[in-house]
Amino acid sequence: MAVFSKPAITPHEQLQLLKQRGLIIIDETRSLLFLEAVSFFRLTPYMRPFQTGTDDHQFKTGTKLSQLKGFLWMLCGMMQFKAV
């Protein structure tokens, strides 16, 4: 069984962490609902293209949560596509 060294954080704490890393949050209420449904840790791999590539996981200037959500939904849609 895997041992995790990082403690779980609440959706509110997840939102604050994303903001500290430079992600632009337009609607905090809707963003919290999104994080409650999807979770920060499930989103993590999808954040990488929007980050600067540094070890502190900062987002590129101007990156919005709505862009990250759009990227996630696009990829989910592609994974559900079935060839005829």
PDB file of N, CA and C in Angstrom:
ATOM      1  N   MET A   1       0.843  -1.171   0.000  1.00  0.00           N
ATOM      2  CA  MET A   1       0.000   0.000   0.000  1.00  0.00           C
ATOM      3  C   MET A   1       0.894   1.241   0.000  1.00  0.00           C
ATOM      4  N   ALA A   2       0.514   2.231  -0.792  1.00  0.00           N
ATOM      5  CA  ALA A   2       1.292   3.468  -0.890  1.00  0.00           C
ATOM      6  C   ALA A   2       1.131   4.312   0.368  1.00  0.00           C
ATOM      7  N   VAL A   3       2.206   4.957   0.758  1.00  0.00           N
ATOM      8  CA  VAL A   3       2.182   5.877   1.891  1.00  0.00           C
ATOM      9  C   VAL A   3       2.322   7.285   1.327  1.00  0.00           C
ATOM     10  N   PHE A   4       1.373   8.143   1.654  1.00  0.00           N
ATOM     11  CA  PHE A   4       1.379   9.507   1.157  1.00  0.00           C
ATOM     12  C   PHE A   4       1.921  10.441   2.220  1.00  0.00           C
ATOM     13  N   SER A   5       2.844  11.316   1.824  1.00  0.00           N
ATOM     14  CA  SER A   5       3.480  12.212   2.785  1.00  0.00           C
ATOM     15  C   SER A   5       2.767  13.552   2.911  1.00  0.00           C
ATOM     16  N   LYS A   6       1.940  13.898   1.929  1.00  0.00           N
ATOM     17  CA  LYS A   6       1.239  15.180   1.978  1.00  0.00           C
ATOM     18  C   LYS A   6      -0.147  14.981   2.588  1.00  0.00           C
ATOM     19  N   PRO A   7      -0.518  15.856   3.519  1.00  0.00           N
ATOM     20  CA  PRO A   7      -1.845  15.735   4.121  1.00  0.00           C
ATOM     21  C   PRO A   7      -2.933  16.181   3.139  1.00  0.00           C
ATOM     22  N   ALA A   8      -4.113  15.635   3.306  1.00  0.00           N
ATOM     23  CA  ALA A   8      -5.251  16.055   2.493  1.00  0.00           C
ATOM     24  C   ALA A   8      -5.599  17.498   2.842  1.00  0.00           C
ATOM     25  N   ILE A   9      -6.039  18.250   1.839  1.00  0.00           N
ATOM     26  CA  ILE A   9      -6.464  19.624   2.088  1.00  0.00           C
ATOM     27  C   ILE A   9      -7.882  19.804   1.563  1.00  0.00           C
ATOM     28  N   THR A  10      -8.616  20.702   2.176  1.00  0.00           N
ATOM     29  CA  THR A  10     -10.009  20.947   1.815  1.00  0.00           C
ATOM     30  C   THR A  10     -10.085  21.642   0.457  1.00  0.00           C
ATOM     31  N   PRO A  11     -11.255  21.611  -0.188  1.00  0.00           N
ATOM     32  CA  PRO A  11     -11.401  22.349  -1.447  1.00  0.00           C
ATOM     33  C   PRO A  11     -11.071  23.840  -1.291  1.00  0.00           C
ATOM     34  N   HIS A  12     -11.429  24.433  -0.162  1.00  0.00           N
ATOM     35  CA  HIS A  12     -11.104  25.845   0.063  1.00  0.00           C
ATOM     36  C   HIS A  12      -9.585  26.037   0.101  1.00  0.00           C
ATOM     37  N   GLU A  13      -8.876  25.140   0.774  1.00  0.00           N
ATOM     38  CA  GLU A  13      -7.412  25.211   0.825  1.00  0.00           C
ATOM     39  C   GLU A  13      -6.807  24.946  -0.553  1.00  0.00           C
ATOM     40  N   GLN A  14      -7.429  24.061  -1.324  1.00  0.00           N
ATOM     41  CA  GLN A  14      -6.971  23.786  -2.685  1.00  0.00           C
ATOM     42  C   GLN A  14      -7.077  25.053  -3.533  1.00  0.00           C
ATOM     43  N   LEU A  15      -8.203  25.748  -3.391  1.00  0.00           N
ATOM     44  CA  LEU A  15      -8.426  26.976  -4.145  1.00  0.00           C
ATOM     45  C   LEU A  15      -7.393  28.039  -3.770  1.00  0.00           C
ATOM     46  N   GLN A  16      -7.123  28.170  -2.476  1.00  0.00           N
ATOM     47  CA  GLN A  16      -6.125  29.144  -2.023  1.00  0.00           C
ATOM     48  C   GLN A  16      -4.740  28.799  -2.576  1.00  0.00           C
ATOM     49  N   LEU A  17      -4.402  27.525  -2.609  1.00  0.00           N
ATOM     50  CA  LEU A  17      -3.109  27.092  -3.138  1.00  0.00           C
ATOM     51  C   LEU A  17      -2.990  27.430  -4.626  1.00  0.00           C
ATOM     52  N   LEU A  18      -4.051  27.184  -5.372  1.00  0.00           N
ATOM     53  CA  LEU A  18      -4.044  27.513  -6.796  1.00  0.00           C
ATOM     54  C   LEU A  18      -3.861  29.014  -7.007  1.00  0.00           C
ATOM     55  N   LYS A  19      -4.529  29.816  -6.196  1.00  0.00           N
ATOM     56  CA  LYS A  19      -4.385  31.270  -6.291  1.00  0.00           C
ATOM     57  C   LYS A  19      -2.967  31.705  -5.937  1.00  0.00           C
ATOM     58  N   GLN A  20      -2.379  31.089  -4.913  1.00  0.00           N
ATOM     59  CA  GLN A  20      -0.998  31.413  -4.531  1.00  0.00           C
ATOM     60  C   GLN A  20      -0.027  31.091  -5.662  1.00  0.00           C
ATOM     61  N   ARG A  21      -0.370  30.100  -6.444  1.00  0.00           N
ATOM     62  CA  ARG A  21       0.493  29.695  -7.559  1.00  0.00           C
ATOM     63  C   ARG A  21       0.231  30.514  -8.818  1.00  0.00           C
ATOM     64  N   GLY A  22      -0.665  31.492  -8.724  1.00  0.00           N
ATOM     65  CA  GLY A  22      -0.882  32.419  -9.826  1.00  0.00           C
ATOM     66  C   GLY A  22      -2.064  32.132 -10.721  1.00  0.00           C
ATOM     67  N   LEU A  23      -2.882  31.137 -10.402  1.00  0.00           N
ATOM     68  CA  LEU A  23      -4.052  30.832 -11.221  1.00  0.00           C
ATOM     69  C   LEU A  23      -5.120  31.891 -10.971  1.00  0.00           C
ATOM     70  N   ILE A  24      -5.709  32.405 -12.037  1.00  0.00           N
ATOM     71  CA  ILE A  24      -6.747  33.424 -11.917  1.00  0.00           C
ATOM     72  C   ILE A  24      -8.089  32.737 -11.702  1.00  0.00           C
ATOM     73  N   ILE A  25      -8.750  33.106 -10.612  1.00  0.00           N
ATOM     74  CA  ILE A  25     -10.055  32.552 -10.254  1.00  0.00           C
ATOM     75  C   ILE A  25     -11.080  33.669 -10.411  1.00  0.00           C
ATOM     76  N   ILE A  26     -12.039  33.503 -11.299  1.00  0.00           N
ATOM     77  CA  ILE A  26     -13.047  34.531 -11.541  1.00  0.00           C
ATOM     78  C   ILE A  26     -14.212  34.405 -10.556  1.00  0.00           C
ATOM     79  N   ASP A  27     -14.723  33.210 -10.372  1.00  0.00           N
ATOM     80  CA  ASP A  27     -15.889  32.970  -9.512  1.00  0.00           C
ATOM     81  C   ASP A  27     -15.509  31.925  -8.463  1.00  0.00           C
ATOM     82  N   GLU A  28     -15.246  32.382  -7.241  1.00  0.00           N
ATOM     83  CA  GLU A  28     -14.783  31.464  -6.195  1.00  0.00           C
ATOM     84  C   GLU A  28     -15.827  30.418  -5.827  1.00  0.00           C
ATOM     85  N   THR A  29     -17.091  30.793  -5.802  1.00  0.00           N
ATOM     86  CA  THR A  29     -18.141  29.843  -5.433  1.00  0.00           C
ATOM     87  C   THR A  29     -18.204  28.692  -6.434  1.00  0.00           C
ATOM     88  N   ARG A  30     -18.232  29.016  -7.714  1.00  0.00           N
ATOM     89  CA  ARG A  30     -18.275  27.969  -8.748  1.00  0.00           C
ATOM     90  C   ARG A  30     -16.983  27.163  -8.779  1.00  0.00           C
ATOM     91  N   SER A  31     -15.870  27.834  -8.507  1.00  0.00           N
ATOM     92  CA  SER A  31     -14.578  27.144  -8.489  1.00  0.00           C
ATOM     93  C   SER A  31     -14.513  26.132  -7.356  1.00  0.00           C
ATOM     94  N   LEU A  32     -15.072  26.487  -6.204  1.00  0.00           N
ATOM     95  CA  LEU A  32     -15.115  25.546  -5.078  1.00  0.00           C
ATOM     96  C   LEU A  32     -15.969  24.332  -5.422  1.00  0.00           C
ATOM     97  N   LEU A  33     -17.101  24.561  -6.062  1.00  0.00           N
ATOM     98  CA  LEU A  33     -17.960  23.443  -6.476  1.00  0.00           C
ATOM     99  C   LEU A  33     -17.217  22.531  -7.455  1.00  0.00           C
ATOM    100  N   PHE A  34     -16.473  23.135  -8.365  1.00  0.00           N
ATOM    101  CA  PHE A  34     -15.685  22.363  -9.329  1.00  0.00           C
ATOM    102  C   PHE A  34     -14.641  21.516  -8.611  1.00  0.00           C
ATOM    103  N   LEU A  35     -13.913  22.114  -7.664  1.00  0.00           N
ATOM    104  CA  LEU A  35     -12.882  21.375  -6.932  1.00  0.00           C
ATOM    105  C   LEU A  35     -13.485  20.278  -6.057  1.00  0.00           C
ATOM    106  N   GLU A  36     -14.679  20.512  -5.525  1.00  0.00           N
ATOM    107  CA  GLU A  36     -15.347  19.469  -4.740  1.00  0.00           C
ATOM    108  C   GLU A  36     -15.699  18.281  -5.625  1.00  0.00           C
ATOM    109  N   ALA A  37     -16.051  18.551  -6.874  1.00  0.00           N
ATOM    110  CA  ALA A  37     -16.442  17.481  -7.795  1.00  0.00           C
ATOM    111  C   ALA A  37     -15.237  16.761  -8.400  1.00  0.00           C
ATOM    112  N   VAL A  38     -14.188  17.502  -8.724  1.00  0.00           N
ATOM    113  CA  VAL A  38     -13.062  16.924  -9.455  1.00  0.00           C
ATOM    114  C   VAL A  38     -11.863  16.662  -8.554  1.00  0.00           C
ATOM    115  N   SER A  39     -11.542  17.559  -7.679  1.00  0.00           N
ATOM    116  CA  SER A  39     -10.426  17.536  -6.721  1.00  0.00           C
ATOM    117  C   SER A  39      -9.107  17.982  -7.348  1.00  0.00           C
ATOM    118  N   PHE A  40      -8.367  18.670  -6.549  1.00  0.00           N
ATOM    119  CA  PHE A  40      -7.058  19.216  -6.917  1.00  0.00           C
ATOM    120  C   PHE A  40      -6.130  18.117  -7.420  1.00  0.00           C
ATOM    121  N   PHE A  41      -6.105  17.001  -6.730  1.00  0.00           N
ATOM    122  CA  PHE A  41      -5.140  15.954  -7.046  1.00  0.00           C
ATOM    123  C   PHE A  41      -5.468  15.244  -8.357  1.00  0.00           C
ATOM    124  N   ARG A  42      -6.737  15.174  -8.698  1.00  0.00           N
ATOM    125  CA  ARG A  42      -7.104  14.609  -9.998  1.00  0.00           C
ATOM    126  C   ARG A  42      -6.740  15.583 -11.120  1.00  0.00           C
ATOM    127  N   LEU A  43      -6.799  16.879 -10.828  1.00  0.00           N
ATOM    128  CA  LEU A  43      -6.470  17.905 -11.814  1.00  0.00           C
ATOM    129  C   LEU A  43      -4.975  18.050 -12.076  1.00  0.00           C
ATOM    130  N   THR A  44      -4.160  17.661 -11.110  1.00  0.00           N
ATOM    131  CA  THR A  44      -2.721  17.931 -11.158  1.00  0.00           C
ATOM    132  C   THR A  44      -2.061  17.609 -12.500  1.00  0.00           C
ATOM    133  N   PRO A  45      -2.275  16.440 -13.103  1.00  0.00           N
ATOM    134  CA  PRO A  45      -1.595  16.167 -14.377  1.00  0.00           C
ATOM    135  C   PRO A  45      -2.017  17.116 -15.502  1.00  0.00           C
ATOM    136  N   TYR A  46      -3.239  17.632 -15.432  1.00  0.00           N
ATOM    137  CA  TYR A  46      -3.747  18.519 -16.473  1.00  0.00           C
ATOM    138  C   TYR A  46      -3.246  19.949 -16.298  1.00  0.00           C
ATOM    139  N   MET A  47      -2.680  20.258 -15.142  1.00  0.00           N
ATOM    140  CA  MET A  47      -2.152  21.596 -14.867  1.00  0.00           C
ATOM    141  C   MET A  47      -0.809  21.830 -15.550  1.00  0.00           C
ATOM    142  N   ARG A  48      -0.055  20.784 -15.775  1.00  0.00           N
ATOM    143  CA  ARG A  48       1.329  20.906 -16.239  1.00  0.00           C
ATOM    144  C   ARG A  48       1.513  21.810 -17.469  1.00  0.00           C
ATOM    145  N   PRO A  49       0.686  21.697 -18.518  1.00  0.00           N
ATOM    146  CA  PRO A  49       0.895  22.577 -19.680  1.00  0.00           C
ATOM    147  C   PRO A  49       0.687  24.062 -19.365  1.00  0.00           C
ATOM    148  N   PHE A  50       0.005  24.353 -18.278  1.00  0.00           N
ATOM    149  CA  PHE A  50      -0.294  25.731 -17.904  1.00  0.00           C
ATOM    150  C   PHE A  50       0.699  26.293 -16.896  1.00  0.00           C
ATOM    151  N   GLN A  51       1.637  25.469 -16.460  1.00  0.00           N
ATOM    152  CA  GLN A  51       2.604  25.897 -15.453  1.00  0.00           C
ATOM    153  C   GLN A  51       3.939  26.264 -16.101  1.00  0.00           C
ATOM    154  N   THR A  52       4.750  27.016 -15.343  1.00  0.00           N
ATOM    155  CA  THR A  52       6.019  27.530 -15.870  1.00  0.00           C
ATOM    156  C   THR A  52       7.091  26.464 -15.989  1.00  0.00           C
ATOM    157  N   GLY A  53       6.911  25.333 -15.341  1.00  0.00           N
ATOM    158  CA  GLY A  53       7.910  24.269 -15.385  1.00  0.00           C
ATOM    159  C   GLY A  53       8.891  24.318 -14.236  1.00  0.00           C
ATOM    160  N   THR A  54       8.697  25.249 -13.325  1.00  0.00           N
ATOM    161  CA  THR A  54       9.574  25.350 -12.158  1.00  0.00           C
ATOM    162  C   THR A  54       9.075  24.426 -11.057  1.00  0.00           C
ATOM    163  N   ASP A  55       9.927  24.171 -10.096  1.00  0.00           N
ATOM    164  CA  ASP A  55       9.573  23.264  -8.998  1.00  0.00           C
ATOM    165  C   ASP A  55       8.484  23.807  -8.078  1.00  0.00           C
ATOM    166  N   ASP A  56       8.216  25.117  -8.144  1.00  0.00           N
ATOM    167  CA  ASP A  56       7.192  25.684  -7.260  1.00  0.00           C
ATOM    168  C   ASP A  56       5.790  25.635  -7.876  1.00  0.00           C
ATOM    169  N   HIS A  57       5.675  25.045  -9.068  1.00  0.00           N
ATOM    170  CA  HIS A  57       4.381  24.805  -9.727  1.00  0.00           C
ATOM    171  C   HIS A  57       3.595  26.086 -10.013  1.00  0.00           C
ATOM    172  N   GLN A  58       4.284  27.177 -10.289  1.00  0.00           N
ATOM    173  CA  GLN A  58       3.620  28.436 -10.623  1.00  0.00           C
ATOM    174  C   GLN A  58       2.956  28.330 -11.994  1.00  0.00           C
ATOM    175  N   PHE A  59       1.816  29.016 -12.125  1.00  0.00           N
ATOM    176  CA  PHE A  59       1.117  29.045 -13.407  1.00  0.00           C
ATOM    177  C   PHE A  59       1.689  30.149 -14.284  1.00  0.00           C
ATOM    178  N   LYS A  60       1.620  29.943 -15.586  1.00  0.00           N
ATOM    179  CA  LYS A  60       2.042  30.972 -16.528  1.00  0.00           C
ATOM    180  C   LYS A  60       1.147  32.191 -16.333  1.00  0.00           C
ATOM    181  N   THR A  61       1.707  33.357 -16.530  1.00  0.00           N
ATOM    182  CA  THR A  61       0.983  34.608 -16.351  1.00  0.00           C
ATOM    183  C   THR A  61      -0.302  34.616 -17.174  1.00  0.00           C
ATOM    184  N   GLY A  62      -1.394  34.977 -16.516  1.00  0.00           N
ATOM    185  CA  GLY A  62      -2.682  35.099 -17.192  1.00  0.00           C
ATOM    186  C   GLY A  62      -3.506  33.828 -17.261  1.00  0.00           C
ATOM    187  N   THR A  63      -3.016  32.726 -16.718  1.00  0.00           N
ATOM    188  CA  THR A  63      -3.750  31.461 -16.785  1.00  0.00           C
ATOM    189  C   THR A  63      -4.972  31.507 -15.872  1.00  0.00           C
ATOM    190  N   LYS A  64      -6.119  31.117 -16.425  1.00  0.00           N
ATOM    191  CA  LYS A  64      -7.382  31.114 -15.680  1.00  0.00           C
ATOM    192  C   LYS A  64      -7.851  29.682 -15.439  1.00  0.00           C
ATOM    193  N   LEU A  65      -8.590  29.509 -14.354  1.00  0.00           N
ATOM    194  CA  LEU A  65      -9.157  28.196 -14.059  1.00  0.00           C
ATOM    195  C   LEU A  65     -10.067  27.744 -15.197  1.00  0.00           C
ATOM    196  N   SER A  66     -10.765  28.669 -15.825  1.00  0.00           N
ATOM    197  CA  SER A  66     -11.659  28.300 -16.927  1.00  0.00           C
ATOM    198  C   SER A  66     -10.886  27.644 -18.080  1.00  0.00           C
ATOM    199  N   GLN A  67      -9.637  28.059 -18.307  1.00  0.00           N
ATOM    200  CA  GLN A  67      -8.816  27.431 -19.350  1.00  0.00           C
ATOM    201  C   GLN A  67      -8.462  25.997 -18.965  1.00  0.00           C
ATOM    202  N   LEU A  68      -8.123  25.817 -17.713  1.00  0.00           N
ATOM    203  CA  LEU A  68      -7.787  24.484 -17.209  1.00  0.00           C
ATOM    204  C   LEU A  68      -9.001  23.559 -17.303  1.00  0.00           C
ATOM    205  N   LYS A  69     -10.173  24.077 -16.929  1.00  0.00           N
ATOM    206  CA  LYS A  69     -11.400  23.284 -17.019  1.00  0.00           C
ATOM    207  C   LYS A  69     -11.700  22.910 -18.469  1.00  0.00           C
ATOM    208  N   GLY A  70     -11.553  23.860 -19.379  1.00  0.00           N
ATOM    209  CA  GLY A  70     -11.801  23.590 -20.793  1.00  0.00           C
ATOM    210  C   GLY A  70     -10.877  22.515 -21.343  1.00  0.00           C
ATOM    211  N   PHE A  71      -9.613  22.572 -20.942  1.00  0.00           N
ATOM    212  CA  PHE A  71      -8.626  21.572 -21.361  1.00  0.00           C
ATOM    213  C   PHE A  71      -9.017  20.194 -20.837  1.00  0.00           C
ATOM    214  N   LEU A  72      -9.420  20.132 -19.581  1.00  0.00           N
ATOM    215  CA  LEU A  72      -9.839  18.868 -18.972  1.00  0.00           C
ATOM    216  C   LEU A  72     -11.046  18.291 -19.704  1.00  0.00           C
ATOM    217  N   TRP A  73     -12.065  19.116 -19.952  1.00  0.00           N
ATOM    218  CA  TRP A  73     -13.278  18.617 -20.616  1.00  0.00           C
ATOM    219  C   TRP A  73     -12.967  18.182 -22.044  1.00  0.00           C
ATOM    220  N   MET A  74     -12.081  18.913 -22.737  1.00  0.00           N
ATOM    221  CA  MET A  74     -11.708  18.529 -24.095  1.00  0.00           C
ATOM    222  C   MET A  74     -11.046  17.150 -24.097  1.00  0.00           C
ATOM    223  N   LEU A  75     -10.100  16.944 -23.183  1.00  0.00           N
ATOM    224  CA  LEU A  75      -9.415  15.650 -23.121  1.00  0.00           C
ATOM    225  C   LEU A  75     -10.366  14.526 -22.729  1.00  0.00           C
ATOM    226  N   CYS A  76     -11.260  14.796 -21.802  1.00  0.00           N
ATOM    227  CA  CYS A  76     -12.239  13.773 -21.407  1.00  0.00           C
ATOM    228  C   CYS A  76     -13.121  13.402 -22.593  1.00  0.00           C
ATOM    229  N   GLY A  77     -13.515  14.397 -23.374  1.00  0.00           N
ATOM    230  CA  GLY A  77     -14.319  14.139 -24.566  1.00  0.00           C
ATOM    231  C   GLY A  77     -13.566  13.309 -25.592  1.00  0.00           C
ATOM    232  N   MET A  78     -12.278  13.586 -25.748  1.00  0.00           N
ATOM    233  CA  MET A  78     -11.462  12.829 -26.702  1.00  0.00           C
ATOM    234  C   MET A  78     -11.296  11.382 -26.256  1.00  0.00           C
ATOM    235  N   MET A  79     -11.190  11.173 -24.948  1.00  0.00           N
ATOM    236  CA  MET A  79     -11.012   9.809 -24.441  1.00  0.00           C
ATOM    237  C   MET A  79     -12.281   8.980 -24.606  1.00  0.00           C
ATOM    238  N   GLN A  80     -13.432   9.651 -24.711  1.00  0.00           N
ATOM    239  CA  GLN A  80     -14.693   8.932 -24.871  1.00  0.00           C
ATOM    240  C   GLN A  80     -15.049   8.712 -26.336  1.00  0.00           C
ATOM    241  N   PHE A  81     -14.310   9.353 -27.242  1.00  0.00           N
ATOM    242  CA  PHE A  81     -14.563   9.216 -28.672  1.00  0.00           C
ATOM    243  C   PHE A  81     -14.307   7.779 -29.107  1.00  0.00           C
ATOM    244  N   LYS A  82     -15.221   7.254 -29.881  1.00  0.00           N
ATOM    245  CA  LYS A  82     -15.065   5.882 -30.375  1.00  0.00           C
ATOM    246  C   LYS A  82     -15.108   5.898 -31.895  1.00  0.00           C
ATOM    247  N   ALA A  83     -14.139   5.273 -32.499  1.00  0.00           N
ATOM    248  CA  ALA A  83     -14.104   5.189 -33.960  1.00  0.00           C
ATOM    249  C   ALA A  83     -15.182   4.230 -34.440  1.00  0.00           C
ATOM    250  N   VAL A  84     -15.698   4.499 -35.601  1.00  0.00           N
ATOM    251  CA  VAL A  84     -16.748   3.654 -36.172  1.00  0.00           C
ATOM    252  C   VAL A  84     -16.136   2.430 -36.784  1.00  0.00           C
TER     253      VAL A  84
END
